[in-house]
C-alpha atoms as a PDB file:
ATOM      1  CA  MET A   1      18.550 -12.579   4.154  1.00  0.00           C
ATOM      2  CA  THR A   2      20.839 -14.413   6.397  1.00  0.00           C
ATOM      3  CA  GLY A   3      22.692 -17.722   5.742  1.00  0.00           C
ATOM      4  CA  PHE A   4      20.406 -19.198   8.575  1.00  0.00           C
ATOM      5  CA  GLU A   5      17.228 -18.171   6.898  1.00  0.00           C
ATOM      6  CA  LEU A   6      18.367 -19.452   3.477  1.00  0.00           C
ATOM      7  CA  ALA A   7      19.213 -22.810   5.112  1.00  0.00           C
ATOM      8  CA  ALA A   8      15.839 -23.057   7.102  1.00  0.00           C
ATOM      9  CA  ILE A   9      13.938 -22.445   3.832  1.00  0.00           C
ATOM     10  CA  LYS A  10      16.111 -24.819   1.793  1.00  0.00           C
ATOM     11  CA  ALA A  11      15.725 -27.371   4.613  1.00  0.00           C
ATOM     12  CA  ALA A  12      12.028 -27.153   4.805  1.00  0.00           C
ATOM     13  CA  LEU A  13      11.634 -27.412   1.008  1.00  0.00           C
ATOM     14  CA  GLU A  14      13.905 -30.440   0.761  1.00  0.00           C
ATOM     15  CA  ALA A  15      12.057 -32.205   3.533  1.00  0.00           C
ATOM     16  CA  ASN A  16       8.644 -31.340   1.725  1.00  0.00           C
ATOM     17  CA  LYS A  17       7.358 -29.469   4.793  1.00  0.00           C
ATOM     18  CA  PRO A  18       4.856 -26.770   4.553  1.00  0.00           C
ATOM     19  CA  ILE A  19       6.242 -23.046   4.908  1.00  0.00           C
ATOM     20  CA  LEU A  20       4.144 -20.056   6.183  1.00  0.00           C
ATOM     21  CA  GLY A  21       5.687 -16.741   5.707  1.00  0.00           C
ATOM     22  CA  VAL A  22       4.626 -13.660   7.458  1.00  0.00           C
ATOM     23  CA  CYS A  23       5.679 -10.151   6.399  1.00  0.00           C
ATOM     24  CA  ARG A  24       9.513 -10.392   6.119  1.00  0.00           C
ATOM     25  CA  GLY A  25       8.896 -14.062   5.584  1.00  0.00           C
ATOM     26  CA  LEU A  26       6.885 -13.359   2.434  1.00  0.00           C
ATOM     27  CA  GLN A  27       9.828 -11.039   1.322  1.00  0.00           C
ATOM     28  CA  LEU A  28      12.494 -13.743   2.206  1.00  0.00           C
ATOM     29  CA  LEU A  29      10.631 -16.426   0.317  1.00  0.00           C
ATOM     30  CA  ASN A  30      10.306 -14.197  -2.745  1.00  0.00           C
ATOM     31  CA  VAL A  31      14.012 -13.500  -2.727  1.00  0.00           C
ATOM     32  CA  TYR A  32      14.813 -17.106  -2.175  1.00  0.00           C
ATOM     33  CA  PHE A  33      12.869 -18.042  -5.302  1.00  0.00           C
ATOM     34  CA  GLY A  34      14.781 -15.397  -7.276  1.00  0.00           C
ATOM     35  CA  GLY A  35      12.339 -12.384  -6.909  1.00  0.00           C
ATOM     36  CA  THR A  36      13.266  -8.825  -6.090  1.00  0.00           C
ATOM     37  CA  LEU A  37      11.955  -6.248  -3.605  1.00  0.00           C
ATOM     38  CA  TYR A  38      11.448  -2.573  -3.469  1.00  0.00           C
ATOM     39  CA  GLN A  39      13.769  -1.636  -0.721  1.00  0.00           C
ATOM     40  CA  ASP A  40      11.214   1.170   0.400  1.00  0.00           C
ATOM     41  CA  LEU A  41       7.617   1.894  -0.375  1.00  0.00           C
ATOM     42  CA  SER A  42       8.501   5.342  -1.342  1.00  0.00           C
ATOM     43  CA  LEU A  43       9.913   3.866  -4.520  1.00  0.00           C
ATOM     44  CA  THR A  44       6.361   2.522  -5.371  1.00  0.00           C
ATOM     45  CA  SER A  45       3.395   4.677  -6.374  1.00  0.00           C
ATOM     46  CA  SER A  46       1.241   3.304  -3.392  1.00  0.00           C
ATOM     47  CA  GLN A  47      -0.759   5.809  -1.536  1.00  0.00           C
ATOM     48  CA  ILE A  48      -1.650   3.375   1.225  1.00  0.00           C
ATOM     49  CA  LYS A  49       0.107   3.993   4.665  1.00  0.00           C
ATOM     50  CA  HIS A  50       1.754   0.593   5.208  1.00  0.00           C
ATOM     51  CA  LEU A  51       3.224   1.739   8.494  1.00  0.00           C
ATOM     52  CA  GLN A  52       0.105   2.100  10.457  1.00  0.00           C
ATOM     53  CA  SER A  53       1.486   3.621  13.641  1.00  0.00           C
ATOM     54  CA  PRO A  54      -0.218   5.049  15.778  1.00  0.00           C
ATOM     55  CA  THR A  55      -2.934   2.543  14.900  1.00  0.00           C
ATOM     56  CA  PRO A  56      -2.642  -0.714  17.142  1.00  0.00           C
ATOM     57  CA  GLN A  57      -1.212  -3.594  15.327  1.00  0.00           C
ATOM     58  CA  GLU A  58      -4.408  -5.771  15.805  1.00  0.00           C
ATOM     59  CA  VAL A  59      -6.505  -3.113  13.737  1.00  0.00           C
ATOM     60  CA  PRO A  60      -6.909  -3.903  10.044  1.00  0.00           C
ATOM     61  CA  THR A  61      -6.160  -0.592   8.037  1.00  0.00           C
ATOM     62  CA  HIS A  62      -6.461  -1.438   4.378  1.00  0.00           C
ATOM     63  CA  HIS A  63      -8.255  -3.775   1.767  1.00  0.00           C
ATOM     64  CA  ILE A  64      -6.867  -6.642  -0.149  1.00  0.00           C
ATOM     65  CA  SER A  65      -8.326  -8.720  -2.969  1.00  0.00           C
ATOM     66  CA  VAL A  66      -7.707 -12.458  -3.087  1.00  0.00           C
ATOM     67  CA  GLU A  67      -7.585 -14.986  -5.911  1.00  0.00           C
ATOM     68  CA  LYS A  68     -10.528 -17.252  -5.126  1.00  0.00           C
ATOM     69  CA  GLU A  69      -8.820 -20.442  -6.363  1.00  0.00           C
ATOM     70  CA  SER A  70      -5.750 -19.775  -4.189  1.00  0.00           C
ATOM     71  CA  SER A  71      -5.029 -21.167  -0.650  1.00  0.00           C
ATOM     72  CA  LEU A  72      -6.485 -18.074   0.750  1.00  0.00           C
ATOM     73  CA  GLY A  73      -9.776 -18.245  -1.361  1.00  0.00           C
ATOM     74  CA  PHE A  74     -11.741 -18.582   1.815  1.00  0.00           C
ATOM     75  CA  LEU A  75     -11.166 -14.855   2.607  1.00  0.00           C
ATOM     76  CA  PRO A  76     -13.959 -12.581   1.689  1.00  0.00           C
ATOM     77  CA  GLU A  77     -13.693 -10.088  -1.038  1.00  0.00           C
ATOM     78  CA  ASN A  78     -12.109  -6.739   0.012  1.00  0.00           C
ATOM     79  CA  TYR A  79     -10.684  -8.250   3.162  1.00  0.00           C
ATOM     80  CA  MET A  80      -9.201  -5.812   5.549  1.00  0.00           C
ATOM     81  CA  VAL A  81      -5.565  -6.473   6.799  1.00  0.00           C
ATOM     82  CA  ASN A  82      -3.246  -4.783   9.190  1.00  0.00           C
ATOM     83  CA  SER A  83       0.041  -3.363   7.714  1.00  0.00           C
ATOM     84  CA  PHE A  84       3.434  -2.349   9.006  1.00  0.00           C
ATOM     85  CA  HIS A  85       6.238  -2.856   6.631  1.00  0.00           C
ATOM     86  CA  HIS A  86       8.497  -0.686   4.340  1.00  0.00           C
ATOM     87  CA  GLN A  87       9.655  -3.331   1.760  1.00  0.00           C
ATOM     88  CA  VAL A  88       7.413  -4.956  -0.949  1.00  0.00           C
ATOM     89  CA  ILE A  89       7.701  -7.358  -3.716  1.00  0.00           C
ATOM     90  CA  LYS A  90       8.899  -5.822  -6.972  1.00  0.00           C
ATOM     91  CA  ASP A  91       9.373  -8.909  -9.237  1.00  0.00           C
ATOM     92  CA  LEU A  92       7.823 -12.294  -8.294  1.00  0.00           C
ATOM     93  CA  GLY A  93      10.059 -15.207  -7.669  1.00  0.00           C
ATOM     94  CA  GLN A  94      10.098 -18.245 -10.013  1.00  0.00           C
ATOM     95  CA  GLY A  95       7.349 -20.728  -9.257  1.00  0.00           C
ATOM     96  CA  LEU A  96       5.328 -18.375  -6.990  1.00  0.00           C
ATOM     97  CA  GLN A  97       2.018 -16.928  -7.704  1.00  0.00           C
ATOM     98  CA  ALA A  98       0.718 -13.739  -6.346  1.00  0.00           C
ATOM     99  CA  ILE A  99      -2.662 -14.577  -4.859  1.00  0.00           C
ATOM    100  CA  ALA A 100      -3.602 -11.198  -3.184  1.00  0.00           C
ATOM    101  CA  HIS A 101      -3.031  -7.623  -3.905  1.00  0.00           C
ATOM    102  CA  GLY A 102      -3.713  -4.366  -2.012  1.00  0.00           C
ATOM    103  CA  ASN A 103      -5.819  -1.644  -3.754  1.00  0.00           C
ATOM    104  CA  ASP A 104      -2.496   0.048  -4.645  1.00  0.00           C
ATOM    105  CA  GLY A 105      -1.689  -3.116  -6.841  1.00  0.00           C
ATOM    106  CA  LEU A 106       1.185  -4.188  -4.447  1.00  0.00           C
ATOM    107  CA  VAL A 107       1.516  -7.998  -3.707  1.00  0.00           C
ATOM    108  CA  GLU A 108      -0.057  -8.921  -0.321  1.00  0.00           C
ATOM    109  CA  ALA A 109       0.201 -12.835  -0.546  1.00  0.00           C
ATOM    110  CA  ILE A 110       2.100 -15.504  -2.474  1.00  0.00           C
ATOM    111  CA  GLU A 111       1.948 -19.155  -2.751  1.00  0.00           C
ATOM    112  CA  ASN A 112       3.479 -22.054  -4.468  1.00  0.00           C
ATOM    113  CA  LYS A 113       0.960 -25.037  -4.040  1.00  0.00           C
ATOM    114  CA  GLU A 114       3.506 -27.702  -5.373  1.00  0.00           C
ATOM    115  CA  LYS A 115       6.054 -26.814  -2.635  1.00  0.00           C
ATOM    116  CA  HIS A 116       3.482 -26.115   0.050  1.00  0.00           C
ATOM    117  CA  VAL A 117       4.449 -22.462   0.292  1.00  0.00           C
ATOM    118  CA  LEU A 118       2.104 -19.708   1.532  1.00  0.00           C
ATOM    119  CA  ALA A 119       3.122 -16.281   2.689  1.00  0.00           C
ATOM    120  CA  VAL A 120       1.249 -13.092   3.587  1.00  0.00           C
ATOM    121  CA  GLN A 121       2.627  -9.450   3.805  1.00  0.00           C
ATOM    122  CA  TRP A 122       0.167  -8.740   6.817  1.00  0.00           C
ATOM    123  CA  HIS A 123       0.428  -9.935  10.249  1.00  0.00           C
ATOM    124  CA  PRO A 124      -2.431 -12.516  11.117  1.00  0.00           C
ATOM    125  CA  GLU A 125      -0.628 -13.313  14.307  1.00  0.00           C
ATOM    126  CA  CYS A 126      -1.745  -9.956  15.561  1.00  0.00           C
ATOM    127  CA  THR A 127      -5.436 -10.462  14.606  1.00  0.00           C
ATOM    128  CA  TRP A 128      -6.061 -14.321  14.921  1.00  0.00           C
ATOM    129  CA  GLU A 129      -7.977 -13.727  18.219  1.00  0.00           C
ATOM    130  CA  THR A 130     -10.455 -11.183  16.653  1.00  0.00           C
ATOM    131  CA  GLU A 131     -10.419 -12.258  13.041  1.00  0.00           C
ATOM    132  CA  ASN A 132     -11.412 -15.638  12.361  1.00  0.00           C
ATOM    133  CA  PHE A 133     -10.227 -15.612   8.841  1.00  0.00           C
ATOM    134  CA  ASP A 134      -6.782 -14.823  10.067  1.00  0.00           C
ATOM    135  CA  LYS A 135      -7.120 -17.693  12.418  1.00  0.00           C
ATOM    136  CA  LYS A 136      -7.892 -19.935   9.567  1.00  0.00           C
ATOM    137  CA  ILE A 137      -4.586 -19.181   7.936  1.00  0.00           C
ATOM    138  CA  PHE A 138      -2.873 -20.743  10.929  1.00  0.00           C
ATOM    139  CA  GLU A 139      -5.194 -23.633  10.919  1.00  0.00           C
ATOM    140  CA  ILE A 140      -4.710 -24.737   7.265  1.00  0.00           C
ATOM    141  CA  PHE A 141      -0.769 -24.456   7.998  1.00  0.00           C
ATOM    142  CA  ALA A 142      -1.122 -26.676  11.039  1.00  0.00           C
ATOM    143  CA  ASN A 143      -3.376 -29.091   9.035  1.00  0.00           C
ATOM    144  CA  GLY A 144      -0.896 -29.298   6.240  1.00  0.00           C
ATOM    145  CA  ASP A 145      -3.425 -27.742   3.816  1.00  0.00           C
ATOM    146  CA  ILE A 146      -1.058 -25.351   2.093  1.00  0.00           C
END
């Protein structure tokens, strides 16, 4: 986490601006709020391949379950997401709620509704053209509905 990233998060929070984190953005937000990370997936018991190469980035490769009362409650049950990361949340930061989990139990999305923070571990920017639900993530952010 760089000083610039910390300053950007702090400035957005102080200005009461919504924050949408994607992949590393989820990890940065978790650490900013005092959480910790597994530095590598090999330190977890996950059997899901989170580095989906050679599968194209726009192809979903594993399921997640989403809390229905969350900002992502519009996602269908057992939603499929893409995945290419090697770090994951270990301990959740203060004030954050885990709102989606993979079938391996790992956190796939977090939020803090009071501070207008939403973050996902997958990459909806790669699938928004083909996955209307991923497109809606950007729409709720743009509309300030986080």
